[in-house]
Protein backbone atom coordinates (compact mmCIF):
# COMPACT_ATOMS: atom_id res chain seq x y z
CA UNK A 1 78.23 -26.86 105.54
CA UNK A 2 76.52 -29.75 103.82
CA UNK A 3 74.18 -29.66 100.89
CA UNK A 4 72.00 -32.68 100.16
CA UNK A 5 70.86 -33.14 96.56
CA UNK A 6 67.83 -35.35 96.03
CA UNK A 7 66.85 -36.54 92.54
CA UNK A 8 64.20 -38.91 91.25
CA UNK A 9 66.72 -40.52 88.87
CA UNK A 10 70.44 -41.14 88.65
CA UNK A 11 71.81 -38.00 87.01
CA UNK A 12 73.99 -38.38 83.94
CA UNK A 13 75.72 -35.17 85.00
CA UNK A 14 75.66 -33.20 88.25
CA UNK A 15 77.62 -29.93 88.41
CA UNK A 16 78.13 -27.24 91.05
CA UNK A 17 79.42 -23.82 90.01
CA UNK A 18 80.24 -20.64 91.91
CA UNK A 19 78.73 -17.23 91.08
CA UNK A 20 81.49 -16.59 88.53
CA UNK A 21 80.55 -19.72 86.61
CA UNK A 22 83.60 -21.73 87.67
CA UNK A 23 82.77 -25.43 87.94
CA UNK A 24 83.72 -26.60 91.44
CA UNK A 25 82.42 -30.16 91.23
CA UNK A 26 81.24 -32.32 88.35
CA UNK A 27 80.02 -35.89 88.74
CA UNK A 28 78.81 -38.47 86.26
CA UNK A 29 76.08 -40.92 87.26
CA UNK A 30 75.32 -39.22 90.59
CA UNK A 31 72.28 -39.72 92.79
CA UNK A 32 69.57 -40.30 93.57
CA UNK A 33 71.04 -38.89 96.81
CA UNK A 34 74.29 -36.95 96.80
CA UNK A 35 75.80 -35.11 99.77
CA UNK A 36 78.49 -32.48 99.37
CA UNK A 37 80.28 -30.19 101.81
CA UNK A 38 80.62 -26.60 100.59
CA UNK A 39 81.93 -23.45 102.25
CA UNK A 40 79.45 -20.64 102.82
CA UNK A 41 78.54 -18.91 99.58
CA UNK A 42 76.21 -18.88 96.58
CA UNK A 43 76.15 -21.70 94.05
CA UNK A 44 74.34 -22.91 90.94
CA UNK A 45 73.63 -26.62 90.87
CA UNK A 46 72.76 -28.32 87.56
CA UNK A 47 71.51 -31.87 87.19
CA UNK A 48 70.91 -33.62 83.85
CA UNK A 49 68.78 -36.68 83.08
CA UNK A 50 67.93 -37.96 79.60
CA UNK A 51 69.07 -34.74 77.93
CA UNK A 52 67.03 -32.48 80.25
CA UNK A 53 68.90 -30.15 82.59
CA UNK A 54 67.49 -28.45 85.65
CA UNK A 55 69.46 -25.70 87.42
CA UNK A 56 68.86 -24.27 90.89
CA UNK A 57 70.54 -21.51 92.87
CA UNK A 58 71.43 -22.17 96.49
CA UNK A 59 72.94 -20.04 99.24
CA UNK A 60 74.90 -21.98 101.85
CA UNK A 61 75.17 -20.19 105.19
CA UNK A 62 74.82 -20.76 108.92
CA UNK A 63 75.00 -24.08 110.69
CA UNK A 64 72.12 -25.86 108.96
CA UNK A 65 72.51 -27.78 105.74
CA UNK A 66 70.51 -27.18 102.58
CA UNK A 67 68.36 -29.63 100.65
CA UNK A 68 67.82 -29.33 96.90
CA UNK A 69 65.25 -31.49 95.16
CA UNK A 70 65.31 -32.24 91.44
CA UNK A 71 62.34 -34.06 89.93
CA UNK A 72 61.81 -35.44 86.44
CA UNK A 73 58.60 -37.07 85.32
CA UNK A 74 58.75 -40.34 83.45
CA UNK A 75 58.47 -40.17 79.66
CA UNK A 76 55.23 -41.53 78.24
């Protein structure tokens, strides 16, 4: 099963953890588009840009992939 992660910026840190909090994947300088293949299950995906972290939960199941979108507005 694939999971596509879309971000508006290159992430300083991108991490995927299972429901127990175990980090399964951690990337530095990922994006703005990152594709990963994960077995069926529930995950928490965290992406960090300029000291701001956004976390989303995703359930991977079935034959279709999942898309997650992370968006940060530009600093003024």
